[in-house]
């Protein structure tokens, strides 16, 4: 009797796991969240950390970059390989 109950519980668990896998399979990935304005991001040029809220934001190649100053952003644009 206990074997039947355990097998039944395992089948139910397996059913819900498979159902969730197929439901999530067709869904597109959620968009990337933008960091909050208090989050510290490293400047790719001078390697200092800057709060996202006060950073200079530039987009290049479909990617967003955060800089501590306009000078770093200009330097990045000049030296970034295309």
Protein backbone atom coordinates (compact mmCIF):
# COMPACT_ATOMS: atom_id res chain seq x y z
CA UNK A 1 0.00 0.00 0.00
CA UNK A 2 2.80 2.42 0.90
CA UNK A 3 4.60 1.66 -2.35
CA UNK A 4 1.55 2.68 -4.36
CA UNK A 5 1.21 5.98 -2.45
CA UNK A 6 4.91 6.79 -2.89
CA UNK A 7 4.79 5.96 -6.60
CA UNK A 8 1.65 8.08 -7.02
CA UNK A 9 3.29 11.05 -5.28
CA UNK A 10 6.39 10.72 -7.47
CA UNK A 11 4.27 10.60 -10.63
CA UNK A 12 2.38 13.75 -9.55
CA UNK A 13 5.66 15.58 -8.81
CA UNK A 14 7.09 14.49 -12.15
CA UNK A 15 3.93 15.68 -13.93
CA UNK A 16 4.19 19.18 -12.44
CA UNK A 17 7.91 19.41 -13.19
CA UNK A 18 7.42 18.43 -16.83
CA UNK A 19 4.45 20.78 -17.19
CA UNK A 20 6.46 23.72 -15.82
CA UNK A 21 9.42 22.90 -18.08
CA UNK A 22 7.24 22.94 -21.19
CA UNK A 23 5.44 26.10 -20.10
CA UNK A 24 8.73 27.97 -19.56
CA UNK A 25 10.34 26.52 -22.68
CA UNK A 26 8.35 28.63 -25.17
CA UNK A 27 8.65 31.86 -23.19
CA UNK A 28 11.20 34.46 -24.32
CA UNK A 29 13.89 35.41 -21.84
CA UNK A 30 12.98 38.44 -19.72
CA UNK A 31 14.81 41.64 -20.68
CA UNK A 32 17.91 42.49 -18.73
CA UNK A 33 17.18 44.72 -15.81
CA UNK A 34 18.93 48.05 -15.67
CA UNK A 35 20.85 48.60 -12.46
CA UNK A 36 19.40 50.91 -9.82
CA UNK A 37 20.81 54.41 -9.59
CA UNK A 38 22.67 53.66 -6.34
CA UNK A 39 24.48 50.63 -7.77
CA UNK A 40 28.22 51.10 -8.27
CA UNK A 41 29.54 50.20 -11.74
CA UNK A 42 33.20 50.08 -12.78
CA UNK A 43 34.30 52.53 -15.46
CA UNK A 44 35.90 50.47 -18.28
CA UNK A 45 38.56 53.12 -18.97
CA UNK A 46 39.97 54.30 -15.64
CA UNK A 47 38.60 51.39 -13.55
CA UNK A 48 37.06 53.65 -10.90
CA UNK A 49 33.61 52.92 -9.51
CA UNK A 50 30.77 55.32 -10.18
CA UNK A 51 27.12 55.31 -9.12
CA UNK A 52 24.82 54.58 -12.05
CA UNK A 53 22.71 57.62 -11.18
CA UNK A 54 25.63 60.00 -11.69
CA UNK A 55 27.43 58.16 -14.49
CA UNK A 56 27.87 59.25 -18.09
CA UNK A 57 26.00 56.63 -20.13
CA UNK A 58 27.04 55.63 -23.64
CA UNK A 59 25.77 52.83 -25.86
CA UNK A 60 28.06 51.05 -28.29
CA UNK A 61 27.47 47.83 -30.18
CA UNK A 62 24.13 47.24 -28.45
CA UNK A 63 25.76 47.38 -25.01
CA UNK A 64 25.46 50.08 -22.35
CA UNK A 65 28.63 51.47 -20.79
CA UNK A 66 28.90 53.68 -17.71
CA UNK A 67 31.71 56.23 -17.29
CA UNK A 68 32.83 58.51 -14.49
CA UNK A 69 33.34 61.49 -16.84
CA UNK A 70 32.94 62.73 -20.40
CA UNK A 71 36.72 62.39 -20.86
CA UNK A 72 36.58 58.66 -20.14
CA UNK A 73 33.62 58.27 -22.51
CA UNK A 74 35.50 60.09 -25.30
CA UNK A 75 38.64 58.03 -24.69
CA UNK A 76 36.57 54.85 -24.85
CA UNK A 77 34.97 55.88 -28.15
CA UNK A 78 38.39 56.60 -29.67
CA UNK A 79 40.07 53.39 -28.54
CA UNK A 80 37.22 50.88 -28.67
CA UNK A 81 37.84 48.38 -31.48
CA UNK A 82 34.92 48.20 -33.94
